[in-house]
Amino acid sequence: MFAVQPAAWSKFDEHGCDYAVSISHAYRLCGIWQQRGEAQGDMMVWRLTSGHPVKWVRVYEDESVDTVTTEALALLA
Protein backbone atom coordinates (compact mmCIF):
# COMPACT_ATOMS: atom_id res chain seq x y z
CA MET A 1 0.00 0.00 0.00
CA PHE A 2 0.91 3.64 -0.45
CA ALA A 3 -0.16 6.97 1.01
CA VAL A 4 0.02 10.49 -0.42
CA GLN A 5 0.22 13.89 1.19
CA PRO A 6 1.80 17.27 0.44
CA ALA A 7 5.60 17.09 0.57
CA ALA A 8 5.63 20.28 2.66
CA TRP A 9 4.24 18.31 5.61
CA SER A 10 7.62 16.48 5.77
CA LYS A 11 6.47 13.99 8.45
CA PHE A 12 3.99 11.23 7.70
CA ASP A 13 0.47 12.12 8.86
CA GLU A 14 -1.61 8.94 9.04
CA HIS A 15 -4.81 10.93 9.59
CA GLY A 16 -4.29 13.60 6.94
CA CYS A 17 -2.98 11.50 4.06
CA ASP A 18 -4.95 9.61 1.42
CA TYR A 19 -4.30 5.89 1.08
CA ALA A 20 -3.74 4.12 -2.24
CA VAL A 21 -3.79 0.44 -3.17
CA SER A 22 -1.14 0.79 -5.92
CA ILE A 23 1.49 3.23 -7.12
CA SER A 24 -0.69 4.22 -10.10
CA HIS A 25 -3.55 4.94 -7.70
CA ALA A 26 -1.15 7.08 -5.64
CA TYR A 27 -0.15 9.09 -8.74
CA ARG A 28 -3.83 9.70 -9.53
CA LEU A 29 -4.46 10.89 -5.97
CA CYS A 30 -1.52 13.30 -6.23
CA GLY A 31 -3.07 14.76 -9.37
CA ILE A 32 -6.43 15.15 -7.66
CA TRP A 33 -4.89 16.97 -4.67
CA GLN A 34 -3.06 19.32 -7.04
CA GLN A 35 -6.07 19.92 -9.33
CA ARG A 36 -8.31 20.81 -6.42
CA GLY A 37 -5.71 23.13 -4.96
CA GLU A 38 -5.52 21.08 -1.76
CA ALA A 39 -1.76 20.81 -2.13
CA GLN A 40 0.37 23.88 -2.66
CA GLY A 41 3.51 22.48 -4.24
CA ASP A 42 4.86 18.98 -4.53
CA MET A 43 3.33 15.76 -3.26
CA MET A 44 5.05 12.87 -1.48
CA VAL A 45 4.13 9.23 -2.00
CA TRP A 46 4.92 7.08 1.03
CA ARG A 47 5.41 3.31 0.85
CA LEU A 48 3.63 1.67 3.76
CA THR A 49 5.63 -1.15 5.29
CA SER A 50 5.15 -3.35 8.32
CA GLY A 51 7.37 -0.86 10.15
CA HIS A 52 7.58 2.86 9.58
CA PRO A 53 6.33 4.48 6.34
CA VAL A 54 9.10 5.28 3.85
CA LYS A 55 9.29 8.31 1.54
CA TRP A 56 9.04 6.65 -1.86
CA VAL A 57 8.40 9.10 -4.72
CA ARG A 58 8.16 12.88 -4.94
CA VAL A 59 5.61 14.16 -7.47
CA TYR A 60 6.37 17.72 -8.52
CA GLU A 61 3.79 20.36 -9.42
CA ASP A 62 4.63 19.92 -13.11
CA GLU A 63 3.78 16.20 -12.65
CA SER A 64 7.37 15.05 -13.05
CA VAL A 65 8.45 12.28 -10.68
CA ASP A 66 11.63 11.70 -8.69
CA THR A 67 12.37 8.58 -6.69
CA VAL A 68 13.56 9.30 -3.19
CA THR A 69 17.10 8.03 -2.70
CA THR A 70 19.30 8.60 0.31
CA GLU A 71 21.00 11.45 -1.55
CA ALA A 72 17.69 13.01 -2.60
CA LEU A 73 16.32 12.58 0.90
CA ALA A 74 19.23 14.60 2.32
CA LEU A 75 18.22 17.50 0.06
CA LEU A 76 14.63 17.40 1.35
CA ALA A 77 15.57 17.75 5.00
C-alpha atoms as a PDB file:
ATOM      1  CA  MET A   1       0.000   0.000   0.000  1.00  0.00           C
ATOM      2  CA  PHE A   2       0.910   3.638  -0.446  1.00  0.00           C
ATOM      3  CA  ALA A   3      -0.163   6.972   1.008  1.00  0.00           C
ATOM      4  CA  VAL A   4       0.025  10.487  -0.425  1.00  0.00           C
ATOM      5  CA  GLN A   5       0.221  13.888   1.186  1.00  0.00           C
ATOM      6  CA  PRO A   6       1.797  17.274   0.442  1.00  0.00           C
ATOM      7  CA  ALA A   7       5.599  17.091   0.566  1.00  0.00           C
ATOM      8  CA  ALA A   8       5.634  20.276   2.656  1.00  0.00           C
ATOM      9  CA  TRP A   9       4.242  18.306   5.606  1.00  0.00           C
ATOM     10  CA  SER A  10       7.624  16.482   5.770  1.00  0.00           C
ATOM     11  CA  LYS A  11       6.475  13.993   8.453  1.00  0.00           C
ATOM     12  CA  PHE A  12       3.993  11.227   7.700  1.00  0.00           C
ATOM     13  CA  ASP A  13       0.467  12.117   8.858  1.00  0.00           C
ATOM     14  CA  GLU A  14      -1.606   8.937   9.039  1.00  0.00           C
ATOM     15  CA  HIS A  15      -4.806  10.926   9.590  1.00  0.00           C
ATOM     16  CA  GLY A  16      -4.292  13.597   6.937  1.00  0.00           C
ATOM     17  CA  CYS A  17      -2.977  11.497   4.061  1.00  0.00           C
ATOM     18  CA  ASP A  18      -4.949   9.613   1.417  1.00  0.00           C
ATOM     19  CA  TYR A  19      -4.302   5.890   1.083  1.00  0.00           C
ATOM     20  CA  ALA A  20      -3.738   4.120  -2.239  1.00  0.00           C
ATOM     21  CA  VAL A  21      -3.792   0.441  -3.169  1.00  0.00           C
ATOM     22  CA  SER A  22      -1.144   0.786  -5.918  1.00  0.00           C
ATOM     23  CA  ILE A  23       1.487   3.230  -7.120  1.00  0.00           C
ATOM     24  CA  SER A  24      -0.687   4.223 -10.101  1.00  0.00           C
ATOM     25  CA  HIS A  25      -3.552   4.937  -7.703  1.00  0.00           C
ATOM     26  CA  ALA A  26      -1.147   7.077  -5.639  1.00  0.00           C
ATOM     27  CA  TYR A  27      -0.153   9.093  -8.739  1.00  0.00           C
ATOM     28  CA  ARG A  28      -3.833   9.704  -9.534  1.00  0.00           C
ATOM     29  CA  LEU A  29      -4.459  10.887  -5.974  1.00  0.00           C
ATOM     30  CA  CYS A  30      -1.518  13.303  -6.235  1.00  0.00           C
ATOM     31  CA  GLY A  31      -3.068  14.759  -9.369  1.00  0.00           C
ATOM     32  CA  ILE A  32      -6.429  15.154  -7.657  1.00  0.00           C
ATOM     33  CA  TRP A  33      -4.887  16.971  -4.671  1.00  0.00           C
ATOM     34  CA  GLN A  34      -3.065  19.323  -7.043  1.00  0.00           C
ATOM     35  CA  GLN A  35      -6.075  19.924  -9.335  1.00  0.00           C
ATOM     36  CA  ARG A  36      -8.314  20.809  -6.418  1.00  0.00           C
ATOM     37  CA  GLY A  37      -5.705  23.133  -4.957  1.00  0.00           C
ATOM     38  CA  GLU A  38      -5.524  21.080  -1.755  1.00  0.00           C
ATOM     39  CA  ALA A  39      -1.756  20.810  -2.128  1.00  0.00           C
ATOM     40  CA  GLN A  40       0.366  23.877  -2.665  1.00  0.00           C
ATOM     41  CA  GLY A  41       3.513  22.484  -4.238  1.00  0.00           C
ATOM     42  CA  ASP A  42       4.862  18.980  -4.534  1.00  0.00           C
ATOM     43  CA  MET A  43       3.326  15.757  -3.260  1.00  0.00           C
ATOM     44  CA  MET A  44       5.053  12.874  -1.485  1.00  0.00           C
ATOM     45  CA  VAL A  45       4.134   9.235  -1.998  1.00  0.00           C
ATOM     46  CA  TRP A  46       4.918   7.079   1.027  1.00  0.00           C
ATOM     47  CA  ARG A  47       5.410   3.315   0.854  1.00  0.00           C
ATOM     48  CA  LEU A  48       3.632   1.671   3.757  1.00  0.00           C
ATOM     49  CA  THR A  49       5.635  -1.145   5.288  1.00  0.00           C
ATOM     50  CA  SER A  50       5.152  -3.351   8.316  1.00  0.00           C
ATOM     51  CA  GLY A  51       7.370  -0.861  10.150  1.00  0.00           C
ATOM     52  CA  HIS A  52       7.580   2.861   9.579  1.00  0.00           C
ATOM     53  CA  PRO A  53       6.327   4.480   6.343  1.00  0.00           C
ATOM     54  CA  VAL A  54       9.102   5.277   3.847  1.00  0.00           C
ATOM     55  CA  LYS A  55       9.286   8.309   1.539  1.00  0.00           C
ATOM     56  CA  TRP A  56       9.040   6.646  -1.856  1.00  0.00           C
ATOM     57  CA  VAL A  57       8.402   9.097  -4.719  1.00  0.00           C
ATOM     58  CA  ARG A  58       8.160  12.877  -4.944  1.00  0.00           C
ATOM     59  CA  VAL A  59       5.608  14.157  -7.473  1.00  0.00           C
ATOM     60  CA  TYR A  60       6.366  17.721  -8.523  1.00  0.00           C
ATOM     61  CA  GLU A  61       3.790  20.365  -9.417  1.00  0.00           C
ATOM     62  CA  ASP A  62       4.632  19.917 -13.107  1.00  0.00           C
ATOM     63  CA  GLU A  63       3.778  16.204 -12.648  1.00  0.00           C
ATOM     64  CA  SER A  64       7.369  15.046 -13.047  1.00  0.00           C
ATOM     65  CA  VAL A  65       8.449  12.277 -10.684  1.00  0.00           C
ATOM     66  CA  ASP A  66      11.631  11.700  -8.690  1.00  0.00           C
ATOM     67  CA  THR A  67      12.366   8.578  -6.688  1.00  0.00           C
ATOM     68  CA  VAL A  68      13.556   9.296  -3.195  1.00  0.00           C
ATOM     69  CA  THR A  69      17.095   8.029  -2.705  1.00  0.00           C
ATOM     70  CA  THR A  70      19.300   8.602   0.315  1.00  0.00           C
ATOM     71  CA  GLU A  71      20.999  11.449  -1.552  1.00  0.00           C
ATOM     72  CA  ALA A  72      17.690  13.014  -2.598  1.00  0.00           C
ATOM     73  CA  LEU A  73      16.317  12.583   0.902  1.00  0.00           C
ATOM     74  CA  ALA A  74      19.232  14.600   2.319  1.00  0.00           C
ATOM     75  CA  LEU A  75      18.221  17.504   0.060  1.00  0.00           C
ATOM     76  CA  LEU A  76      14.626  17.399   1.347  1.00  0.00           C
ATOM     77  CA  ALA A  77      15.567  17.755   5.001  1.00  0.00           C
END
